[in-house]
Protein backbone atom coordinates (compact mmCIF):
# COMPACT_ATOMS: atom_id res chain seq x y z
CA MET A 1 92.03 109.98 129.88
CA THR A 2 89.39 109.44 132.69
CA GLN A 3 89.04 106.38 134.93
CA ASP A 4 86.14 105.23 132.85
CA THR A 5 87.95 105.44 129.32
CA PRO A 6 87.86 101.90 127.91
CA MET A 7 90.90 100.06 127.12
CA ASN A 8 91.49 98.19 124.07
CA ARG A 9 93.38 95.00 124.17
CA GLN A 10 95.26 93.72 121.08
CA PHE A 11 97.45 90.77 120.05
CA ARG A 12 100.06 92.47 117.68
CA LEU A 13 102.73 90.22 115.44
CA ALA A 14 105.81 90.34 117.10
CA ALA A 15 107.98 88.27 114.80
CA ARG A 16 107.37 86.38 111.80
CA PRO A 17 106.79 82.80 112.46
CA VAL A 18 108.98 80.00 111.48
CA GLY A 19 106.86 76.97 111.24
CA LEU A 20 104.05 76.64 113.57
CA PRO A 21 103.45 80.20 115.14
CA GLN A 22 104.61 80.30 118.83
CA ALA A 23 103.91 82.49 122.02
CA ALA A 24 107.08 84.61 121.16
CA ASP A 25 105.46 85.52 117.71
CA TRP A 26 102.74 87.91 119.72
CA GLN A 27 102.78 90.90 121.78
CA ARG A 28 99.75 91.32 123.87
CA THR A 29 99.13 95.12 124.26
CA GLU A 30 96.67 97.47 125.76
CA GLU A 31 95.87 100.96 125.18
CA PRO A 32 92.97 103.58 125.83
CA LEU A 33 90.54 104.53 123.27
CA ALA A 34 91.07 107.89 121.48
CA PRO A 35 88.05 110.05 120.71
CA LEU A 36 86.04 109.28 117.56
CA ALA A 37 86.54 111.40 114.34
CA ASP A 38 83.95 112.73 112.31
CA GLY A 39 82.42 110.06 109.78
CA ALA A 40 83.80 107.23 111.85
CA VAL A 41 82.63 104.31 113.83
CA ARG A 42 83.62 102.41 116.90
CA VAL A 43 82.75 98.65 116.96
CA ARG A 44 82.82 96.43 120.02
CA VAL A 45 84.13 93.17 118.74
CA GLN A 46 82.17 90.25 119.79
CA TYR A 47 83.59 87.22 117.79
CA LEU A 48 86.65 86.73 115.67
CA SER A 49 87.24 84.37 112.76
CA LEU A 50 90.13 82.17 112.86
CA ASP A 51 91.30 81.04 109.43
CA PRO A 52 94.08 79.14 107.87
CA ALA A 53 94.87 82.21 105.47
CA MET A 54 96.14 84.05 108.45
CA ARG A 55 99.14 81.81 108.63
CA GLY A 56 100.11 83.49 105.17
CA TRP A 57 99.33 87.00 106.19
CA MET A 58 102.14 86.59 108.74
CA ASN A 59 104.90 85.91 106.13
CA GLU A 60 106.89 88.72 104.44
CA GLY A 61 106.80 88.78 100.74
CA LYS A 62 104.31 89.54 97.93
CA SER A 63 100.69 88.02 97.79
CA TYR A 64 97.23 88.75 97.29
CA ILE A 65 97.07 91.13 100.41
CA ARG A 66 100.01 92.79 102.06
CA PRO A 67 101.55 91.06 105.06
CA VAL A 68 100.82 92.12 108.42
CA ALA A 69 103.59 94.33 109.84
CA ILE A 70 105.53 93.67 112.69
CA GLY A 71 104.03 95.59 115.59
CA GLU A 72 100.71 95.82 113.64
CA THR A 73 97.38 94.36 115.31
CA MET A 74 96.91 90.85 113.86
CA ARG A 75 94.30 90.80 110.78
CA ALA A 76 91.37 88.71 111.49
CA GLY A 77 87.65 89.17 110.42
CA GLY A 78 85.03 89.78 113.02
CA VAL A 79 81.45 90.59 114.06
CA GLY A 80 80.42 93.13 116.51
CA VAL A 81 78.28 96.07 117.64
CA VAL A 82 78.42 99.74 116.79
CA VAL A 83 78.91 101.36 120.14
CA GLU A 84 79.76 104.93 118.87
CA SER A 85 79.05 106.47 115.29
CA THR A 86 79.67 109.82 113.92
CA SER A 87 78.63 108.55 110.27
CA PRO A 88 75.31 108.37 108.78
CA HIS A 89 75.74 105.12 107.29
CA LEU A 90 76.05 103.21 110.52
CA ALA A 91 74.28 103.71 113.82
CA VAL A 92 74.63 102.73 117.38
CA GLY A 93 73.40 99.08 117.94
CA ASP A 94 73.87 97.94 114.42
CA THR A 95 75.50 94.68 114.10
CA VAL A 96 78.52 94.80 111.60
CA GLY A 97 81.22 92.61 110.22
CA GLY A 98 84.28 93.40 108.82
CA MET A 99 88.27 93.04 109.01
CA PHE A 100 88.24 94.34 112.49
CA GLY A 101 91.61 92.71 114.06
CA VAL A 102 92.60 90.63 117.18
CA GLN A 103 91.36 93.44 119.47
CA ASP A 104 88.36 94.76 121.80
CA TYR A 105 87.51 97.55 119.50
CA TRP A 106 87.87 98.43 116.12
CA THR A 107 87.60 102.26 114.89
CA GLY A 108 87.63 103.59 111.40
CA PRO A 109 85.89 105.56 108.87
CA VAL A 110 82.55 104.35 107.20
CA ASP A 111 81.32 106.02 103.97
CA ALA A 112 79.32 105.07 101.27
CA ALA A 113 82.10 104.14 99.09
CA ALA A 114 84.33 102.22 101.55
CA ALA A 115 82.17 99.87 103.54
CA ALA A 116 84.78 98.62 106.14
CA ALA A 117 82.31 97.69 108.51
CA MET A 118 79.42 96.00 106.59
CA LYS A 119 75.66 95.92 108.35
CA ILE A 120 74.62 92.39 108.66
CA ASP A 121 71.05 90.96 109.86
CA PRO A 122 71.53 88.95 113.11
CA SER A 123 67.60 87.73 112.72
CA LEU A 124 68.89 85.71 109.66
CA ALA A 125 71.41 83.77 111.60
CA PRO A 126 73.43 84.25 114.97
CA ALA A 127 76.84 85.94 114.71
CA PRO A 128 79.31 83.18 114.58
CA LYS A 129 77.36 82.07 111.42
CA TRP A 130 78.21 85.38 109.93
CA LEU A 131 81.90 84.13 110.30
CA ASN A 132 81.35 80.92 108.82
CA ILE A 133 78.58 80.00 106.17
CA LEU A 134 77.37 83.63 105.82
CA GLY A 135 81.02 84.94 105.91
CA MET A 136 84.33 84.69 104.24
CA PRO A 137 84.45 80.90 104.48
CA GLY A 138 81.01 80.72 102.98
CA MET A 139 81.88 83.04 100.12
CA THR A 140 84.89 81.35 99.34
CA ALA A 141 83.10 78.10 99.16
CA TYR A 142 80.08 79.22 97.25
CA PHE A 143 82.04 81.47 94.66
CA GLY A 144 85.00 79.11 94.65
CA LEU A 145 82.69 76.15 93.71
CA THR A 146 80.01 77.75 91.45
CA ASP A 147 82.26 80.38 89.78
CA VAL A 148 85.68 78.46 89.14
CA GLY A 149 84.56 74.93 89.80
CA GLN A 150 81.45 75.28 87.45
CA PRO A 151 79.86 71.73 88.51
CA LYS A 152 77.12 70.44 86.24
CA ALA A 153 74.38 68.21 87.81
CA GLY A 154 75.42 64.57 88.02
CA GLU A 155 79.18 65.32 88.25
CA THR A 156 81.52 64.03 91.12
CA VAL A 157 82.92 66.92 93.22
CA VAL A 158 85.75 66.33 95.67
CA VAL A 159 86.69 68.57 98.55
CA SER A 160 89.72 68.17 101.01
CA ALA A 161 89.22 69.30 104.58
CA ALA A 162 85.70 68.50 104.19
CA ALA A 163 84.78 69.03 107.76
CA GLY A 164 86.25 72.46 107.94
CA ALA A 165 84.37 75.75 107.23
CA VAL A 166 84.92 75.92 103.65
CA GLY A 167 85.13 72.25 102.73
CA ALA A 168 81.75 71.68 104.64
CA THR A 169 79.76 74.25 102.66
CA VAL A 170 81.29 73.29 99.30
CA GLY A 171 80.09 69.60 99.64
CA GLN A 172 76.89 70.85 100.82
CA VAL A 173 76.41 73.40 97.84
CA ALA A 174 77.53 70.59 95.59
CA LYS A 175 74.77 68.37 96.56
CA GLN A 176 72.13 71.21 96.15
CA LEU A 177 73.48 71.56 92.48
CA GLY A 178 72.66 67.90 92.04
CA CYS A 179 76.35 66.71 92.21
CA ARG A 180 77.84 63.70 94.08
CA ALA A 181 79.89 64.97 96.94
CA VAL A 182 82.91 63.10 98.23
CA GLY A 183 84.93 64.55 101.11
CA ILE A 184 88.58 64.11 102.37
CA ALA A 185 88.81 64.48 106.26
CA GLY A 186 90.99 63.38 108.97
CA GLY A 187 89.49 60.99 111.35
CA ALA A 188 86.52 58.57 111.91
CA ASP A 189 84.60 61.30 113.80
CA LYS A 190 85.01 63.90 110.93
CA CYS A 191 84.22 61.59 108.13
CA ARG A 192 80.96 60.48 110.06
CA TYR A 193 79.78 64.03 110.44
CA VAL A 194 80.52 64.93 106.84
CA VAL A 195 78.37 61.97 105.76
CA GLU A 196 75.60 61.49 108.24
CA GLU A 197 75.15 65.10 109.19
CA LEU A 198 76.07 67.08 106.07
CA GLY A 199 74.88 64.63 103.49
CA PHE A 200 77.99 63.92 101.66
CA ASP A 201 78.00 60.77 99.55
CA ALA A 202 81.08 59.52 100.82
CA CYS A 203 84.22 60.65 102.96
CA ILE A 204 87.73 59.62 102.71
CA ASP A 205 89.72 59.35 106.06
CA TYR A 206 93.20 60.23 105.13
CA LYS A 207 94.31 59.01 108.44
CA ALA A 208 93.09 55.49 108.04
CA GLY A 209 94.80 54.67 104.60
CA PRO A 210 95.88 55.94 101.22
CA VAL A 211 93.69 58.62 99.87
CA ALA A 212 94.43 56.93 96.39
CA ALA A 213 92.52 53.95 97.47
CA GLY A 214 89.80 55.83 98.93
CA LEU A 215 89.31 57.68 95.49
CA LYS A 216 89.45 54.71 93.58
CA GLU A 217 86.53 53.32 95.81
CA HIS A 218 84.36 56.10 96.14
CA CYS A 219 85.01 58.01 92.66
CA PRO A 220 84.70 54.84 90.28
CA GLN A 221 83.85 57.19 87.51
CA GLY A 222 86.60 59.77 88.13
CA VAL A 223 86.84 63.36 89.57
CA ASP A 224 85.13 66.23 87.57
CA VAL A 225 85.54 69.04 90.15
CA TYR A 226 88.16 68.98 93.02
CA PHE A 227 88.14 71.87 95.37
CA ASP A 228 91.74 71.95 97.37
CA ASN A 229 92.14 73.05 100.73
CA VAL A 230 95.20 71.43 101.64
CA GLY A 231 97.65 70.91 98.72
CA GLY A 232 100.54 68.29 99.17
CA ASP A 233 100.16 64.63 98.96
CA ILE A 234 96.44 64.66 98.83
CA LEU A 235 96.41 67.26 95.80
CA ASP A 236 98.65 64.61 93.72
CA ALA A 237 96.44 61.78 94.83
CA VAL A 238 93.28 63.53 93.06
CA LEU A 239 95.32 64.69 90.26
CA ALA A 240 95.57 61.22 89.37
CA ARG A 241 92.09 60.53 89.17
CA ILE A 242 90.70 63.64 87.39
CA ASN A 243 88.44 63.13 84.23
CA ARG A 244 88.67 64.95 81.04
CA LYS A 245 88.13 68.66 81.35
CA ALA A 246 88.10 68.54 85.06
CA ARG A 247 88.40 71.81 86.98
CA ILE A 248 90.70 72.09 89.98
CA VAL A 249 90.03 75.06 92.43
CA ILE A 250 93.14 76.11 94.56
CA CYS A 251 91.70 77.66 97.44
CA GLY A 252 94.37 76.72 100.06
CA ALA A 253 97.21 74.39 101.14
CA ILE A 254 96.85 74.05 104.76
CA SER A 255 99.32 71.09 104.75
CA GLN A 256 102.09 73.53 103.53
CA TYR A 257 101.57 76.61 105.54
CA ASN A 258 103.79 75.72 108.44
CA ASN A 259 106.62 74.17 106.39
CA THR A 260 110.24 75.21 107.11
CA THR A 261 111.21 73.73 103.65
CA PRO A 262 109.99 74.99 100.19
CA VAL A 263 106.41 74.25 99.48
CA GLN A 264 105.62 71.04 97.83
CA GLY A 265 104.16 71.59 94.31
CA PRO A 266 101.89 69.11 92.47
CA ALA A 267 104.00 66.17 90.93
CA ASN A 268 101.19 64.85 89.00
CA TYR A 269 100.58 68.24 87.14
CA LEU A 270 101.00 66.54 83.63
CA SER A 271 97.53 64.93 84.40
CA LEU A 272 96.14 68.43 83.80
CA LEU A 273 97.64 68.13 80.20
CA VAL A 274 96.39 64.68 79.61
CA ASN A 275 92.96 65.38 80.62
CA ARG A 276 92.92 68.81 79.14
CA ALA A 277 91.84 69.96 82.78
CA ARG A 278 92.14 73.21 84.27
CA MET A 279 93.58 74.35 87.59
CA GLU A 280 92.86 77.80 88.90
CA GLY A 281 93.28 79.50 91.92
CA MET A 282 90.88 81.58 93.94
CA VAL A 283 90.85 84.48 96.22
CA VAL A 284 87.40 85.51 97.81
CA LEU A 285 88.23 89.22 98.27
CA ASP A 286 87.82 89.32 94.34
CA TYR A 287 84.20 88.73 95.00
CA LEU A 288 83.41 91.34 97.54
CA PRO A 289 81.05 93.13 95.20
CA ARG A 290 78.95 89.94 94.95
CA TYR A 291 78.71 89.17 98.43
CA PRO A 292 75.05 89.84 98.85
CA GLU A 293 74.32 87.39 96.16
CA GLY A 294 76.16 84.61 98.18
CA VAL A 295 74.50 85.63 101.25
CA GLN A 296 71.11 85.51 99.62
CA ARG A 297 71.65 82.02 98.36
CA LEU A 298 73.22 80.38 101.34
CA GLY A 299 71.04 82.18 103.81
CA ALA A 300 67.89 80.87 101.90
CA TRP A 301 69.28 77.19 101.96
CA LEU A 302 70.46 77.58 105.88
CA GLN A 303 66.67 78.65 106.67
CA ALA A 304 65.10 75.96 104.76
CA GLY A 305 67.40 73.59 106.72
CA ALA A 306 68.96 72.26 103.30
CA ILE A 307 72.40 73.08 104.58
CA LYS A 308 74.19 73.30 107.95
CA SER A 309 76.82 75.34 109.73
CA ARG A 310 78.95 74.20 112.49
CA GLU A 311 80.99 76.43 114.56
CA HIS A 312 83.76 75.56 117.11
CA VAL A 313 83.62 78.49 119.65
CA VAL A 314 86.61 79.14 121.80
CA ASP A 315 85.82 81.47 124.60
CA GLY A 316 88.30 84.31 125.86
CA PHE A 317 90.24 86.85 124.29
CA GLU A 318 93.56 85.94 125.92
CA ARG A 319 93.35 82.32 124.48
CA PHE A 320 93.87 83.66 120.91
CA PRO A 321 97.34 82.20 120.30
CA GLU A 322 96.50 78.83 121.41
CA ALA A 323 93.12 78.92 119.65
CA LEU A 324 95.09 79.66 116.33
CA THR A 325 97.37 76.64 117.00
CA MET A 326 94.47 74.58 117.25
CA LEU A 327 93.62 75.28 113.59
CA PHE A 328 96.61 74.12 112.44
CA GLU A 329 96.88 70.88 114.53
CA GLY A 330 93.24 69.89 113.12
CA LYS A 331 91.83 70.35 116.76
CA ASN A 332 88.94 72.29 115.86
CA PHE A 333 85.55 70.52 114.52
CA GLY A 334 83.86 72.82 112.39
CA LYS A 335 84.62 76.55 111.81
CA LEU A 336 86.96 77.81 114.66
CA VAL A 337 85.72 81.08 116.15
CA LEU A 338 87.19 82.98 119.08
CA LYS A 339 84.48 84.72 121.35
CA ILE A 340 85.87 87.97 122.83
CA ASP A 341 84.88 88.14 126.59
CA ASP A 342 83.30 91.62 128.20
CA ARG A 343 86.24 92.58 130.29
CA ALA A 344 86.72 95.54 128.42
CA ALA A 345 83.12 96.27 127.48
């Protein structure tokens, strides 16, 4: 190692959180970069995506993806620039996206079969938007709504966490498909944003009164598609208003992720039977081969100004633990992104 060898800062999982992640659950480490192997690339990470799914990845137990191991760099999606390459598939200077982890540099093999770092087009949209509408949240919204929710023009689509990264895109795509879009969000400012800026038909403020009353007011003809990001009481309230043959997309349950008691299941699940409705979970990783399709459709709407993408950027690698906590306390407004500073550049 020479004096000029770059150091790689990392946040590693030190303990499995009980409830909301705490400072003691993280270990901040720093180590020199190793020489690059043949067929590999080194990416200087610029932005990291902070997502509700990260809380589930910290738990031990079977899930759709293996848990982050104790002592392992925390998993996170990111965007960065290739700074070294011995692979014919990516060149120095290419902008790429991938599951890079909470660190300054990601190093790994890249070949035609395993695109761990996928080249993206920064001329289509700035880097943070590739972690939002053109990244995992946007693909979750697009494929979850169109493939699982299967909305038809004229139907009513309801989405919870409507001011968040996934929810905001769900409602906007629903409008592009000719549907009535009703959001559920927390606080007057978020509801105003959802209606006035994103173009939803209505938004229910769950902090201002019962969601059931808001659904009765804004969905007088019932709910045809519900895109669920929160679970809990809000899921129950919507189940009480669904129409015959309704489709419920289970994307997430952020209201339950930090529980220290068993997860609350839907008490109104018999509404699925009465209404011959369908509830189906979706995981965006199942749609990786179709990402180009989603990027093309959403990118076209974005460039045409038909849909919007809002990012809440927190500046500084060292702020990762507090930034992640913001996500679960609802303090972010828009897609939460961590900008990595250039100390290790």
